[in-house]
């Protein structure tokens, strides 16, 4: 099995319907999920300095680490996610 990170983009105030959709998705992936988490505020550090990141539709709001046989299998699972703006998938390589 390979490991993949899903990064969730976009924030809107959760409604009961949104929470129900997310809870159903968490149940769907429970046997494939290794870890999950959410983010609060953030900062970007660059050569131009540091800036606080806004909490909006472009924000990274959370992540899941899952196991899947292939990138295609991970993508198929991600397509069932009730994402707000988008979801990005990255394969995790062992170092």
C-alpha atoms as a PDB file:
ATOM      1  CA  UNK A   1       0.000   0.000   0.000  1.00  0.00           C
ATOM      2  CA  UNK A   2       1.095   3.539  -0.754  1.00  0.00           C
ATOM      3  CA  UNK A   3       0.365   6.593   1.392  1.00  0.00           C
ATOM      4  CA  UNK A   4      -1.316   9.729   0.080  1.00  0.00           C
ATOM      5  CA  UNK A   5      -2.058  13.111   1.598  1.00  0.00           C
ATOM      6  CA  UNK A   6      -5.309  14.864   0.780  1.00  0.00           C
ATOM      7  CA  UNK A   7      -5.237  18.639   1.287  1.00  0.00           C
ATOM      8  CA  UNK A   8      -8.634  20.308   1.566  1.00  0.00           C
ATOM      9  CA  UNK A   9      -9.083  23.837   0.202  1.00  0.00           C
ATOM     10  CA  UNK A  10     -11.811  26.335   0.930  1.00  0.00           C
ATOM     11  CA  UNK A  11     -13.731  27.451   3.976  1.00  0.00           C
ATOM     12  CA  UNK A  12     -17.346  28.270   4.532  1.00  0.00           C
ATOM     13  CA  UNK A  13     -19.211  28.274   7.817  1.00  0.00           C
ATOM     14  CA  UNK A  14     -20.279  24.674   8.473  1.00  0.00           C
ATOM     15  CA  UNK A  15     -23.980  23.928   8.319  1.00  0.00           C
ATOM     16  CA  UNK A  16     -25.581  20.742   9.660  1.00  0.00           C
ATOM     17  CA  UNK A  17     -25.776  19.465   6.060  1.00  0.00           C
ATOM     18  CA  UNK A  18     -22.061  20.103   5.471  1.00  0.00           C
ATOM     19  CA  UNK A  19     -21.154  18.368   8.744  1.00  0.00           C
ATOM     20  CA  UNK A  20     -23.374  15.387   7.897  1.00  0.00           C
ATOM     21  CA  UNK A  21     -21.657  15.034   4.512  1.00  0.00           C
ATOM     22  CA  UNK A  22     -18.199  15.191   6.089  1.00  0.00           C
ATOM     23  CA  UNK A  23     -19.092  12.703   8.835  1.00  0.00           C
ATOM     24  CA  UNK A  24     -20.431  10.278   6.224  1.00  0.00           C
ATOM     25  CA  UNK A  25     -17.195  10.657   4.238  1.00  0.00           C
ATOM     26  CA  UNK A  26     -15.061  10.012   7.332  1.00  0.00           C
ATOM     27  CA  UNK A  27     -17.007   6.773   7.884  1.00  0.00           C
ATOM     28  CA  UNK A  28     -16.495   5.819   4.235  1.00  0.00           C
ATOM     29  CA  UNK A  29     -12.692   6.174   4.453  1.00  0.00           C
ATOM     30  CA  UNK A  30     -12.239   4.905   8.033  1.00  0.00           C
ATOM     31  CA  UNK A  31     -10.534   1.664   6.967  1.00  0.00           C
ATOM     32  CA  UNK A  32      -8.114   3.563   4.676  1.00  0.00           C
ATOM     33  CA  UNK A  33      -7.330   6.572   6.857  1.00  0.00           C
ATOM     34  CA  UNK A  34      -4.098   6.781   8.846  1.00  0.00           C
ATOM     35  CA  UNK A  35      -4.430  10.331  10.157  1.00  0.00           C
ATOM     36  CA  UNK A  36      -6.570  13.437   9.780  1.00  0.00           C
ATOM     37  CA  UNK A  37      -6.399  16.978  11.009  1.00  0.00           C
ATOM     38  CA  UNK A  38      -7.633  20.494  10.527  1.00  0.00           C
ATOM     39  CA  UNK A  39      -5.885  23.836  10.451  1.00  0.00           C
ATOM     40  CA  UNK A  40      -6.511  27.150  12.131  1.00  0.00           C
ATOM     41  CA  UNK A  41      -4.641  30.326  11.284  1.00  0.00           C
ATOM     42  CA  UNK A  42      -1.478  30.220   9.247  1.00  0.00           C
ATOM     43  CA  UNK A  43       1.496  32.276   8.143  1.00  0.00           C
ATOM     44  CA  UNK A  44       3.531  32.334   4.986  1.00  0.00           C
ATOM     45  CA  UNK A  45       7.256  32.954   5.328  1.00  0.00           C
ATOM     46  CA  UNK A  46       9.182  34.011   2.233  1.00  0.00           C
ATOM     47  CA  UNK A  47      12.224  36.082   1.311  1.00  0.00           C
ATOM     48  CA  UNK A  48       9.875  39.077   1.292  1.00  0.00           C
ATOM     49  CA  UNK A  49       8.944  38.554   4.942  1.00  0.00           C
ATOM     50  CA  UNK A  50       6.064  36.996   6.838  1.00  0.00           C
ATOM     51  CA  UNK A  51       2.354  37.488   6.333  1.00  0.00           C
ATOM     52  CA  UNK A  52      -0.728  36.107   8.045  1.00  0.00           C
ATOM     53  CA  UNK A  53      -2.797  33.902   5.759  1.00  0.00           C
ATOM     54  CA  UNK A  54      -6.490  34.676   5.354  1.00  0.00           C
ATOM     55  CA  UNK A  55      -9.203  32.161   6.237  1.00  0.00           C
ATOM     56  CA  UNK A  56     -11.216  32.016   3.030  1.00  0.00           C
ATOM     57  CA  UNK A  57     -11.974  29.925  -0.055  1.00  0.00           C
ATOM     58  CA  UNK A  58      -8.247  29.660  -0.894  1.00  0.00           C
ATOM     59  CA  UNK A  59      -7.186  28.414   2.550  1.00  0.00           C
ATOM     60  CA  UNK A  60      -5.904  24.921   3.223  1.00  0.00           C
ATOM     61  CA  UNK A  61      -8.360  23.853   5.907  1.00  0.00           C
ATOM     62  CA  UNK A  62      -7.425  20.249   6.647  1.00  0.00           C
ATOM     63  CA  UNK A  63      -5.754  17.042   5.599  1.00  0.00           C
ATOM     64  CA  UNK A  64      -6.107  13.278   5.574  1.00  0.00           C
ATOM     65  CA  UNK A  65      -3.393  10.685   5.165  1.00  0.00           C
ATOM     66  CA  UNK A  66      -4.759   7.546   3.587  1.00  0.00           C
ATOM     67  CA  UNK A  67      -3.501   4.253   2.219  1.00  0.00           C
ATOM     68  CA  UNK A  68      -4.381   3.185  -1.299  1.00  0.00           C
ATOM     69  CA  UNK A  69      -3.052   0.769  -3.901  1.00  0.00           C
ATOM     70  CA  UNK A  70      -2.358   3.499  -6.462  1.00  0.00           C
ATOM     71  CA  UNK A  71      -2.704   7.181  -7.284  1.00  0.00           C
ATOM     72  CA  UNK A  72      -5.830   6.332  -9.300  1.00  0.00           C
ATOM     73  CA  UNK A  73      -7.378   4.551  -6.301  1.00  0.00           C
ATOM     74  CA  UNK A  74      -6.598   7.564  -4.079  1.00  0.00           C
ATOM     75  CA  UNK A  75      -8.148   9.899  -6.657  1.00  0.00           C
ATOM     76  CA  UNK A  76     -11.301   7.785  -6.831  1.00  0.00           C
ATOM     77  CA  UNK A  77     -11.617   8.045  -3.044  1.00  0.00           C
ATOM     78  CA  UNK A  78     -10.980  11.806  -3.115  1.00  0.00           C
ATOM     79  CA  UNK A  79     -13.756  12.260  -5.669  1.00  0.00           C
ATOM     80  CA  UNK A  80     -16.250  11.091  -3.019  1.00  0.00           C
ATOM     81  CA  UNK A  81     -15.148  13.904  -0.674  1.00  0.00           C
ATOM     82  CA  UNK A  82     -17.610  16.765  -0.016  1.00  0.00           C
ATOM     83  CA  UNK A  83     -14.893  19.383  -0.617  1.00  0.00           C
ATOM     84  CA  UNK A  84     -15.684  23.085  -0.457  1.00  0.00           C
ATOM     85  CA  UNK A  85     -13.347  24.463  -3.166  1.00  0.00           C
ATOM     86  CA  UNK A  86     -11.041  21.586  -4.093  1.00  0.00           C
ATOM     87  CA  UNK A  87      -8.967  18.715  -2.809  1.00  0.00           C
ATOM     88  CA  UNK A  88      -5.350  18.046  -3.762  1.00  0.00           C
ATOM     89  CA  UNK A  89      -3.658  14.663  -3.583  1.00  0.00           C
ATOM     90  CA  UNK A  90       0.041  14.061  -3.034  1.00  0.00           C
ATOM     91  CA  UNK A  91       1.790  10.716  -2.836  1.00  0.00           C
ATOM     92  CA  UNK A  92       3.939  10.501   0.294  1.00  0.00           C
ATOM     93  CA  UNK A  93       7.395   9.174  -0.436  1.00  0.00           C
ATOM     94  CA  UNK A  94       9.449   7.510   2.247  1.00  0.00           C
ATOM     95  CA  UNK A  95      12.740   9.308   2.883  1.00  0.00           C
END
